[in-house]
């Protein structure tokens, strides 16, 4: 294996150290000493997008909220899907946003330059609050058809401790809010999480768990994609009659 070369190091929020390393032709993002993404070690980004998009196949009005930019692989997969008209990308790390144009654009086909993409440099919780309060008039007022959570390797392997709240009952309620009725929530995990699936089943409909085999550094591991749909609004009994 080639030796790692430190390209850049930044400290964000006064506490989080974000580093970019180069290893041969590959790049690695290291967060507080732990590698969170590498350009030559792919997980289930494309499978997450394909499985989450499946219930929306045939539509030509798909608006997407993507939490987490990373190296842009998930965004690229979203943009390559027919029917996508808009993608709002929420990324809290200024370092990762800056590295995209300089180092990652060639890996993801200049995904951020696609006219359908709107990049928001903000923490996800703050962004969801803006949506709830209607404080950002340029966002879709009717909500999104797809919400992809690509911040972590699931609840058990968080990139930032503050993300833990998104996987609780209260957190799933916050993730549901931006979705249109029938809209899809998709996320992935590096470990099976039965408790997460149960919490999703309490709030959503058509909850599915799909096992995705991934070749990871000369060994086969299993990722888990979780998909769910927001319930339609309650039917008015008077209309039904």
Protein backbone atom coordinates (compact mmCIF):
# COMPACT_ATOMS: atom_id res chain seq x y z
CA UNK A 1 0.00 0.00 0.00
CA UNK A 2 1.35 3.48 -0.86
CA UNK A 3 2.13 5.72 2.07
CA UNK A 4 -0.42 8.36 3.01
CA UNK A 5 0.47 11.98 2.38
CA UNK A 6 -1.29 14.72 4.34
CA UNK A 7 -2.69 17.27 1.88
CA UNK A 8 -4.68 19.53 4.19
CA UNK A 9 -5.81 19.73 7.81
CA UNK A 10 -8.54 21.99 9.16
CA UNK A 11 -10.16 22.37 12.57
CA UNK A 12 -13.88 23.09 12.41
CA UNK A 13 -16.15 24.37 15.17
CA UNK A 14 -13.05 24.63 17.34
CA UNK A 15 -13.04 20.89 17.99
CA UNK A 16 -13.37 18.68 14.89
CA UNK A 17 -10.17 17.96 12.96
CA UNK A 18 -10.78 17.24 9.28
CA UNK A 19 -7.88 15.96 7.21
CA UNK A 20 -7.40 15.14 3.55
CA UNK A 21 -4.81 12.48 2.72
CA UNK A 22 -3.54 11.21 -0.61
CA UNK A 23 -2.53 7.56 -0.94
CA UNK A 24 -1.17 6.93 -4.42
CA UNK A 25 -4.01 7.98 -6.73
CA UNK A 26 -6.62 7.75 -3.99
CA UNK A 27 -7.91 10.35 -1.54
CA UNK A 28 -9.04 9.80 2.04
CA UNK A 29 -11.02 12.07 4.36
CA UNK A 30 -10.12 11.55 8.01
CA UNK A 31 -12.31 12.96 10.77
CA UNK A 32 -10.78 13.15 14.24
CA UNK A 33 -8.33 10.39 13.33
CA UNK A 34 -10.86 8.01 11.73
CA UNK A 35 -11.17 7.53 7.99
CA UNK A 36 -14.73 8.29 6.96
CA UNK A 37 -14.45 8.08 3.17
CA UNK A 38 -11.87 6.96 0.62
CA UNK A 39 -12.09 7.33 -3.14
CA UNK A 40 -10.94 3.77 -3.79
CA UNK A 41 -13.00 2.11 -1.04
CA UNK A 42 -16.59 2.31 -2.16
CA UNK A 43 -19.51 1.32 0.02
CA UNK A 44 -23.15 1.17 -1.04
CA UNK A 45 -23.71 4.70 -2.37
CA UNK A 46 -25.12 3.62 -5.72
CA UNK A 47 -27.17 0.82 -4.18
CA UNK A 48 -28.62 3.30 -1.68
CA UNK A 49 -29.71 5.57 -4.51
CA UNK A 50 -31.05 2.77 -6.71
CA UNK A 51 -33.05 1.17 -3.91
CA UNK A 52 -34.41 4.45 -2.58
CA UNK A 53 -35.38 5.59 -6.08
CA UNK A 54 -37.16 2.34 -6.98
CA UNK A 55 -40.62 3.39 -5.67
CA UNK A 56 -40.34 6.63 -7.67
CA UNK A 57 -39.45 4.99 -10.98
CA UNK A 58 -41.23 6.58 -13.93
CA UNK A 59 -41.69 9.99 -12.32
CA UNK A 60 -40.24 13.10 -13.92
CA UNK A 61 -40.56 15.48 -10.95
CA UNK A 62 -38.20 13.97 -8.36
CA UNK A 63 -36.86 16.50 -5.89
CA UNK A 64 -34.11 15.21 -3.60
CA UNK A 65 -32.69 16.30 -0.25
CA UNK A 66 -29.22 14.79 0.24
CA UNK A 67 -27.62 15.09 3.68
CA UNK A 68 -23.86 14.70 3.28
CA UNK A 69 -21.68 15.59 0.31
CA UNK A 70 -18.58 13.48 0.99
CA UNK A 71 -16.67 12.98 -2.24
CA UNK A 72 -19.83 13.43 -4.29
CA UNK A 73 -20.38 9.78 -5.22
CA UNK A 74 -23.95 9.63 -3.86
CA UNK A 75 -24.76 12.96 -5.50
CA UNK A 76 -23.42 11.67 -8.82
CA UNK A 77 -25.62 8.58 -8.58
CA UNK A 78 -28.66 10.76 -7.85
CA UNK A 79 -27.99 13.03 -10.82
CA UNK A 80 -27.60 10.02 -13.12
CA UNK A 81 -31.10 8.82 -12.22
CA UNK A 82 -33.87 9.71 -14.72
CA UNK A 83 -36.55 12.06 -13.48
CA UNK A 84 -34.46 14.07 -10.99
CA UNK A 85 -35.22 17.79 -11.31
CA UNK A 86 -33.57 19.24 -8.19
CA UNK A 87 -31.09 18.16 -5.51
CA UNK A 88 -30.50 20.14 -2.33
CA UNK A 89 -27.20 19.04 -0.75
CA UNK A 90 -26.62 19.81 2.93
CA UNK A 91 -22.99 19.71 4.09
CA UNK A 92 -21.70 21.06 7.39
CA UNK A 93 -17.97 20.84 6.60
CA UNK A 94 -16.40 23.82 4.87
CA UNK A 95 -13.28 21.73 4.31
CA UNK A 96 -15.12 19.06 2.33
CA UNK A 97 -16.92 21.69 0.26
CA UNK A 98 -13.63 23.36 -0.55
CA UNK A 99 -11.90 20.10 -1.41
CA UNK A 100 -14.65 19.14 -3.84
CA UNK A 101 -13.68 21.66 -6.51
CA UNK A 102 -9.96 21.10 -6.08
CA UNK A 103 -9.70 17.34 -5.59
CA UNK A 104 -13.05 15.53 -5.89
CA UNK A 105 -14.71 17.09 -8.95
CA UNK A 106 -12.79 14.79 -11.27
CA UNK A 107 -14.05 11.80 -9.28
CA UNK A 108 -17.72 12.77 -9.35
CA UNK A 109 -18.02 14.34 -12.80
CA UNK A 110 -18.29 17.93 -11.50
CA UNK A 111 -21.53 17.03 -9.77
CA UNK A 112 -21.80 20.32 -7.87
CA UNK A 113 -21.77 22.24 -11.16
CA UNK A 114 -24.95 20.54 -12.35
CA UNK A 115 -27.64 23.27 -12.56
CA UNK A 116 -30.09 21.06 -10.67
CA UNK A 117 -27.87 21.12 -7.56
CA UNK A 118 -28.24 23.62 -4.70
CA UNK A 119 -25.48 23.38 -2.06
CA UNK A 120 -26.23 24.44 1.51
CA UNK A 121 -23.29 24.91 3.88
CA UNK A 122 -25.17 24.28 7.11
CA UNK A 123 -25.66 21.60 9.76
CA UNK A 124 -28.57 19.31 8.91
CA UNK A 125 -30.52 20.07 12.08
CA UNK A 126 -30.36 23.80 11.37
CA UNK A 127 -31.42 23.21 7.77
CA UNK A 128 -34.43 21.15 8.85
CA UNK A 129 -35.40 23.94 11.25
CA UNK A 130 -35.26 26.43 8.39
CA UNK A 131 -37.58 24.20 6.41
CA UNK A 132 -39.97 23.83 9.33
CA UNK A 133 -40.12 27.58 9.93
CA UNK A 134 -40.29 28.47 6.24
CA UNK A 135 -37.18 30.59 6.72
CA UNK A 136 -35.65 29.72 3.35
CA UNK A 137 -38.00 30.87 0.58
CA UNK A 138 -35.94 29.34 -2.25
CA UNK A 139 -36.62 25.76 -1.02
CA UNK A 140 -39.43 23.58 -2.36
CA UNK A 141 -42.55 24.49 -0.36
CA UNK A 142 -44.29 21.23 -1.23
CA UNK A 143 -41.46 19.11 0.18
CA UNK A 144 -39.18 16.49 -1.31
CA UNK A 145 -39.92 13.15 -2.92
CA UNK A 146 -36.65 11.65 -1.68
CA UNK A 147 -34.52 12.28 1.40
CA UNK A 148 -31.16 10.49 1.50
CA UNK A 149 -29.25 10.45 4.77
CA UNK A 150 -25.57 9.85 3.94
CA UNK A 151 -23.87 11.36 6.99
CA UNK A 152 -22.66 8.22 8.76
CA UNK A 153 -22.13 4.49 8.44
CA UNK A 154 -25.36 4.10 10.37
CA UNK A 155 -26.26 4.77 14.02
CA UNK A 156 -23.44 2.57 15.32
CA UNK A 157 -20.66 4.36 13.39
CA UNK A 158 -21.24 8.10 13.47
CA UNK A 159 -19.02 10.59 11.67
CA UNK A 160 -19.94 13.21 14.27
CA UNK A 161 -21.47 12.54 17.72
CA UNK A 162 -24.23 15.09 17.13
CA UNK A 163 -25.69 12.94 14.35
CA UNK A 164 -26.93 10.34 16.85
CA UNK A 165 -30.14 12.27 17.36
CA UNK A 166 -31.29 11.74 13.78
CA UNK A 167 -31.78 8.00 14.38
CA UNK A 168 -34.05 8.33 17.44
CA UNK A 169 -37.85 8.46 17.33
CA UNK A 170 -37.70 12.24 17.56
CA UNK A 171 -34.98 12.36 14.92
CA UNK A 172 -36.97 10.26 12.47
CA UNK A 173 -39.89 12.64 12.97
CA UNK A 174 -37.60 15.50 11.93
CA UNK A 175 -36.41 13.52 8.88
CA UNK A 176 -39.99 12.77 7.87
CA UNK A 177 -41.13 16.39 7.94
CA UNK A 178 -39.49 17.55 4.66
CA UNK A 179 -40.99 14.65 2.69
CA UNK A 180 -44.11 14.90 0.59
CA UNK A 181 -46.80 12.29 1.31
CA UNK A 182 -45.52 9.08 -0.25
CA UNK A 183 -41.98 10.45 -0.29
CA UNK A 184 -39.07 8.11 0.42
CA UNK A 185 -36.45 8.19 3.17
CA UNK A 186 -33.29 6.21 2.49
CA UNK A 187 -30.17 5.60 4.55
CA UNK A 188 -27.46 2.97 4.87
CA UNK A 189 -25.63 1.30 7.71
CA UNK A 190 -22.44 -0.76 7.94
CA UNK A 191 -24.19 -2.98 10.51
CA UNK A 192 -27.66 -4.40 10.76
CA UNK A 193 -29.83 -2.32 13.09
CA UNK A 194 -33.10 -4.00 14.07
CA UNK A 195 -33.97 -1.26 16.55
CA UNK A 196 -33.64 1.39 13.88
CA UNK A 197 -35.92 -0.57 11.58
CA UNK A 198 -38.52 -0.90 14.35
CA UNK A 199 -38.42 2.83 14.97
CA UNK A 200 -38.87 3.44 11.25
CA UNK A 201 -41.83 1.06 11.17
CA UNK A 202 -43.54 3.02 13.92
CA UNK A 203 -43.44 6.21 11.85
CA UNK A 204 -43.32 5.19 8.18
CA UNK A 205 -44.94 2.70 5.83
CA UNK A 206 -43.39 0.15 3.48
CA UNK A 207 -40.20 -0.09 5.51
CA UNK A 208 -37.61 -2.32 3.85
CA UNK A 209 -34.18 -3.60 4.83
CA UNK A 210 -31.94 -4.69 1.94
CA UNK A 211 -28.58 -6.41 2.36
CA UNK A 212 -25.90 -5.14 -0.04
CA UNK A 213 -22.65 -7.17 -0.42
CA UNK A 214 -19.63 -4.86 -0.65
CA UNK A 215 -16.04 -5.76 -1.45
CA UNK A 216 -14.00 -3.84 1.11
CA UNK A 217 -10.21 -4.04 0.98
CA UNK A 218 -10.00 -7.63 -0.27
CA UNK A 219 -12.86 -8.93 1.87
CA UNK A 220 -16.60 -9.13 1.47
CA UNK A 221 -18.75 -7.27 3.98
CA UNK A 222 -22.47 -6.54 4.20
CA UNK A 223 -24.03 -3.08 4.16
CA UNK A 224 -27.68 -2.54 4.97
CA UNK A 225 -29.94 -0.10 3.14
CA UNK A 226 -33.09 1.03 4.93
CA UNK A 227 -35.95 2.52 2.94
CA UNK A 228 -39.32 3.83 4.07
CA UNK A 229 -42.17 5.96 2.74
CA UNK A 230 -44.10 8.74 4.40
CA UNK A 231 -47.76 7.94 5.03
CA UNK A 232 -50.35 9.71 2.89
CA UNK A 233 -52.45 12.30 4.72
CA UNK A 234 -55.49 10.93 6.58
CA UNK A 235 -58.51 10.65 4.35
CA UNK A 236 -61.37 13.02 5.07
CA UNK A 237 -64.36 10.79 6.05
CA UNK A 238 -66.83 13.27 4.49
CA UNK A 239 -64.96 13.13 1.17
CA UNK A 240 -64.93 9.35 1.29
CA UNK A 241 -68.71 9.40 1.52
